Amino acid sequence: MTRLPRVFISRTTAGLAALTKRVAEVLRQRGIEPRSSRPASTRPRMTIKGMLAKHLQQCDTVISSYIRKMDSECYSRSGDL
């Protein structure tokens, strides 16, 4: 039996949890197995780098979502935006 393609869904903040959940739903509808990591706090003695490596080795590709944090210094330098 052929296995489903596996996609690792990576997010940088808890604020992206709803987006990650929706992406996983769409992938399942398309016959793709979504994978995501458990929070690092639930995996004692494993570094984030180690946890990501373990998940990535089991997947065919990655979808990464992130939010770029902009602090007040960035806003004050409008020429950089």
N, C-alpha and C. Protein backbone atom coordinates (compact mmCIF):
# COMPACT_ATOMS: atom_id res chain seq x y z
N MET A 1 0.83 -1.18 0.00
CA MET A 1 0.00 0.00 0.00
C MET A 1 0.89 1.25 0.00
N THR A 2 0.58 2.19 -0.85
CA THR A 2 1.34 3.42 -0.96
C THR A 2 0.97 4.37 0.18
N ARG A 3 1.99 4.94 0.81
CA ARG A 3 1.71 5.88 1.89
C ARG A 3 1.37 7.25 1.33
N LEU A 4 0.62 8.00 2.13
CA LEU A 4 0.28 9.37 1.76
C LEU A 4 1.52 10.25 1.84
N PRO A 5 1.60 11.28 0.99
CA PRO A 5 2.70 12.24 1.15
C PRO A 5 2.59 12.90 2.52
N ARG A 6 3.72 13.17 3.14
CA ARG A 6 3.74 13.79 4.47
C ARG A 6 4.29 15.20 4.36
N VAL A 7 3.58 16.14 4.97
CA VAL A 7 3.99 17.54 4.97
C VAL A 7 4.12 18.01 6.41
N PHE A 8 5.29 18.51 6.74
CA PHE A 8 5.51 19.08 8.08
C PHE A 8 5.06 20.53 8.06
N ILE A 9 4.19 20.90 9.01
CA ILE A 9 3.69 22.26 9.12
C ILE A 9 4.40 22.91 10.30
N SER A 10 5.19 23.92 10.01
CA SER A 10 5.97 24.61 11.03
C SER A 10 5.36 25.98 11.29
N ARG A 11 5.33 26.37 12.56
CA ARG A 11 4.89 27.72 12.91
C ARG A 11 5.82 28.28 13.97
N THR A 12 5.93 29.60 13.99
CA THR A 12 6.88 30.23 14.90
C THR A 12 6.24 30.70 16.20
N THR A 13 4.93 30.88 16.22
CA THR A 13 4.27 31.37 17.43
C THR A 13 2.94 30.66 17.65
N ALA A 14 2.48 30.69 18.89
CA ALA A 14 1.18 30.11 19.21
C ALA A 14 0.06 30.87 18.50
N GLY A 15 0.31 32.12 18.16
CA GLY A 15 -0.69 32.92 17.46
C GLY A 15 -1.03 32.40 16.08
N LEU A 16 -0.21 31.51 15.55
CA LEU A 16 -0.47 30.92 14.23
C LEU A 16 -1.15 29.56 14.31
N ALA A 17 -1.57 29.16 15.50
CA ALA A 17 -2.18 27.83 15.68
C ALA A 17 -3.42 27.64 14.82
N ALA A 18 -4.28 28.64 14.74
CA ALA A 18 -5.51 28.52 13.94
C ALA A 18 -5.18 28.35 12.46
N LEU A 19 -4.19 29.10 11.99
CA LEU A 19 -3.76 28.97 10.59
C LEU A 19 -3.21 27.58 10.33
N THR A 20 -2.38 27.10 11.23
CA THR A 20 -1.80 25.76 11.10
C THR A 20 -2.89 24.69 11.05
N LYS A 21 -3.89 24.83 11.89
CA LYS A 21 -5.01 23.88 11.92
C LYS A 21 -5.76 23.89 10.59
N ARG A 22 -6.00 25.06 10.06
CA ARG A 22 -6.72 25.17 8.78
C ARG A 22 -5.90 24.58 7.63
N VAL A 23 -4.61 24.85 7.62
CA VAL A 23 -3.74 24.28 6.58
C VAL A 23 -3.79 22.75 6.66
N ALA A 24 -3.73 22.20 7.86
CA ALA A 24 -3.79 20.74 8.04
C ALA A 24 -5.12 20.18 7.52
N GLU A 25 -6.21 20.88 7.75
CA GLU A 25 -7.52 20.43 7.25
C GLU A 25 -7.54 20.36 5.73
N VAL A 26 -7.01 21.38 5.09
CA VAL A 26 -6.97 21.43 3.63
C VAL A 26 -6.08 20.31 3.09
N LEU A 27 -4.94 20.09 3.71
CA LEU A 27 -4.06 19.01 3.27
C LEU A 27 -4.75 17.65 3.37
N ARG A 28 -5.43 17.40 4.49
CA ARG A 28 -6.15 16.13 4.64
C ARG A 28 -7.19 15.95 3.55
N GLN A 29 -7.91 17.02 3.23
CA GLN A 29 -8.92 16.96 2.17
C GLN A 29 -8.31 16.60 0.83
N ARG A 30 -7.05 16.91 0.66
CA ARG A 30 -6.36 16.65 -0.61
C ARG A 30 -5.54 15.36 -0.59
N GLY A 31 -5.72 14.56 0.45
CA GLY A 31 -5.05 13.27 0.52
C GLY A 31 -3.60 13.34 0.97
N ILE A 32 -3.26 14.36 1.74
CA ILE A 32 -1.90 14.54 2.23
C ILE A 32 -1.91 14.44 3.75
N GLU A 33 -0.91 13.79 4.30
CA GLU A 33 -0.82 13.62 5.75
C GLU A 33 -0.05 14.77 6.38
N PRO A 34 -0.76 15.66 7.09
CA PRO A 34 -0.05 16.76 7.75
C PRO A 34 0.63 16.30 9.03
N ARG A 35 1.79 16.83 9.28
CA ARG A 35 2.51 16.55 10.53
C ARG A 35 2.89 17.88 11.16
N SER A 36 2.83 17.95 12.46
CA SER A 36 3.29 19.15 13.15
C SER A 36 3.95 18.72 14.45
N SER A 37 4.68 19.63 15.02
CA SER A 37 5.41 19.30 16.24
C SER A 37 4.61 19.65 17.48
N ARG A 38 4.84 18.91 18.52
CA ARG A 38 4.28 19.27 19.81
C ARG A 38 5.13 20.40 20.37
N PRO A 39 4.55 21.20 21.25
CA PRO A 39 5.37 22.26 21.87
C PRO A 39 6.60 21.68 22.55
N ALA A 40 7.70 22.39 22.47
CA ALA A 40 8.96 21.92 23.04
C ALA A 40 8.84 21.63 24.53
N SER A 41 7.98 22.34 25.23
CA SER A 41 7.85 22.15 26.67
C SER A 41 7.32 20.76 27.03
N THR A 42 6.68 20.06 26.08
CA THR A 42 6.16 18.73 26.35
C THR A 42 7.15 17.63 25.98
N ARG A 43 8.32 18.01 25.50
CA ARG A 43 9.33 17.04 25.09
C ARG A 43 10.60 17.27 25.89
N PRO A 44 10.67 16.73 27.07
CA PRO A 44 11.85 16.97 27.90
C PRO A 44 13.14 16.44 27.26
N ARG A 45 14.23 17.13 27.53
CA ARG A 45 15.58 16.76 27.08
C ARG A 45 15.76 16.75 25.57
N MET A 46 14.86 17.36 24.83
CA MET A 46 15.04 17.43 23.38
C MET A 46 15.11 18.91 22.99
N THR A 47 16.15 19.27 22.27
CA THR A 47 16.28 20.64 21.82
C THR A 47 15.30 20.89 20.67
N ILE A 48 15.01 22.14 20.42
CA ILE A 48 14.12 22.46 19.31
C ILE A 48 14.74 21.98 18.00
N LYS A 49 16.03 22.18 17.86
CA LYS A 49 16.73 21.73 16.64
C LYS A 49 16.59 20.21 16.48
N GLY A 50 16.77 19.46 17.55
CA GLY A 50 16.64 18.01 17.49
C GLY A 50 15.23 17.57 17.17
N MET A 51 14.25 18.24 17.77
CA MET A 51 12.86 17.91 17.52
C MET A 51 12.50 18.17 16.06
N LEU A 52 12.93 19.32 15.53
CA LEU A 52 12.64 19.63 14.13
C LEU A 52 13.31 18.64 13.18
N ALA A 53 14.55 18.28 13.46
CA ALA A 53 15.27 17.32 12.63
C ALA A 53 14.53 15.99 12.58
N LYS A 54 14.06 15.54 13.73
CA LYS A 54 13.33 14.26 13.79
C LYS A 54 12.07 14.31 12.93
N HIS A 55 11.31 15.39 13.03
CA HIS A 55 10.09 15.52 12.25
C HIS A 55 10.38 15.66 10.76
N LEU A 56 11.38 16.46 10.43
CA LEU A 56 11.67 16.71 9.02
C LEU A 56 12.15 15.46 8.30
N GLN A 57 12.87 14.59 8.99
CA GLN A 57 13.35 13.35 8.36
C GLN A 57 12.20 12.44 7.94
N GLN A 58 11.06 12.59 8.57
CA GLN A 58 9.91 11.73 8.29
C GLN A 58 8.97 12.32 7.24
N CYS A 59 9.27 13.52 6.75
CA CYS A 59 8.36 14.21 5.84
C CYS A 59 8.97 14.42 4.47
N ASP A 60 8.07 14.68 3.53
CA ASP A 60 8.48 14.90 2.15
C ASP A 60 8.73 16.38 1.84
N THR A 61 8.04 17.25 2.56
CA THR A 61 8.20 18.69 2.35
C THR A 61 7.74 19.45 3.60
N VAL A 62 7.92 20.77 3.56
CA VAL A 62 7.62 21.61 4.73
C VAL A 62 6.79 22.82 4.30
N ILE A 63 5.83 23.19 5.12
CA ILE A 63 5.14 24.47 5.00
C ILE A 63 5.48 25.22 6.27
N SER A 64 6.02 26.41 6.12
CA SER A 64 6.43 27.19 7.28
C SER A 64 5.65 28.50 7.30
N SER A 65 5.07 28.82 8.45
CA SER A 65 4.39 30.10 8.61
C SER A 65 5.04 30.84 9.76
N TYR A 66 5.20 32.12 9.57
CA TYR A 66 5.85 32.92 10.60
C TYR A 66 5.33 34.35 10.56
N ILE A 67 5.53 35.03 11.65
CA ILE A 67 5.20 36.44 11.75
C ILE A 67 6.49 37.20 12.00
N ARG A 68 6.73 38.19 11.22
CA ARG A 68 7.91 39.02 11.42
C ARG A 68 7.59 40.06 12.48
N LYS A 69 8.32 40.03 13.55
CA LYS A 69 8.09 40.97 14.64
C LYS A 69 8.72 42.30 14.28
N MET A 70 7.94 43.34 14.41
CA MET A 70 8.45 44.67 14.12
C MET A 70 8.36 45.49 15.40
N ASP A 71 9.48 45.95 15.85
CA ASP A 71 9.48 46.73 17.08
C ASP A 71 9.38 48.22 16.76
N SER A 72 9.35 49.03 17.80
CA SER A 72 9.16 50.47 17.61
C SER A 72 10.30 51.09 16.81
N GLU A 73 11.49 50.54 16.91
CA GLU A 73 12.61 51.08 16.14
C GLU A 73 12.35 50.94 14.64
N CYS A 74 11.79 49.81 14.25
CA CYS A 74 11.50 49.59 12.83
C CYS A 74 10.47 50.60 12.34
N TYR A 75 9.45 50.84 13.14
CA TYR A 75 8.41 51.79 12.72
C TYR A 75 8.95 53.20 12.61
N SER A 76 9.94 53.55 13.40
CA SER A 76 10.46 54.91 13.38
C SER A 76 11.36 55.15 12.15
N ARG A 77 11.76 54.09 11.48
CA ARG A 77 12.62 54.20 10.30
C ARG A 77 11.79 53.85 9.08
N SER A 78 10.87 54.71 8.72
CA SER A 78 9.93 54.40 7.65
C SER A 78 10.62 54.12 6.31
N GLY A 79 11.81 54.61 6.11
CA GLY A 79 12.52 54.33 4.88
C GLY A 79 12.88 52.88 4.70
N ASP A 80 12.91 52.11 5.81
CA ASP A 80 13.24 50.69 5.75
C ASP A 80 12.02 49.82 5.44
N LEU A 81 10.82 50.41 5.48
CA LEU A 81 9.60 49.62 5.30
C LEU A 81 9.23 49.48 3.85
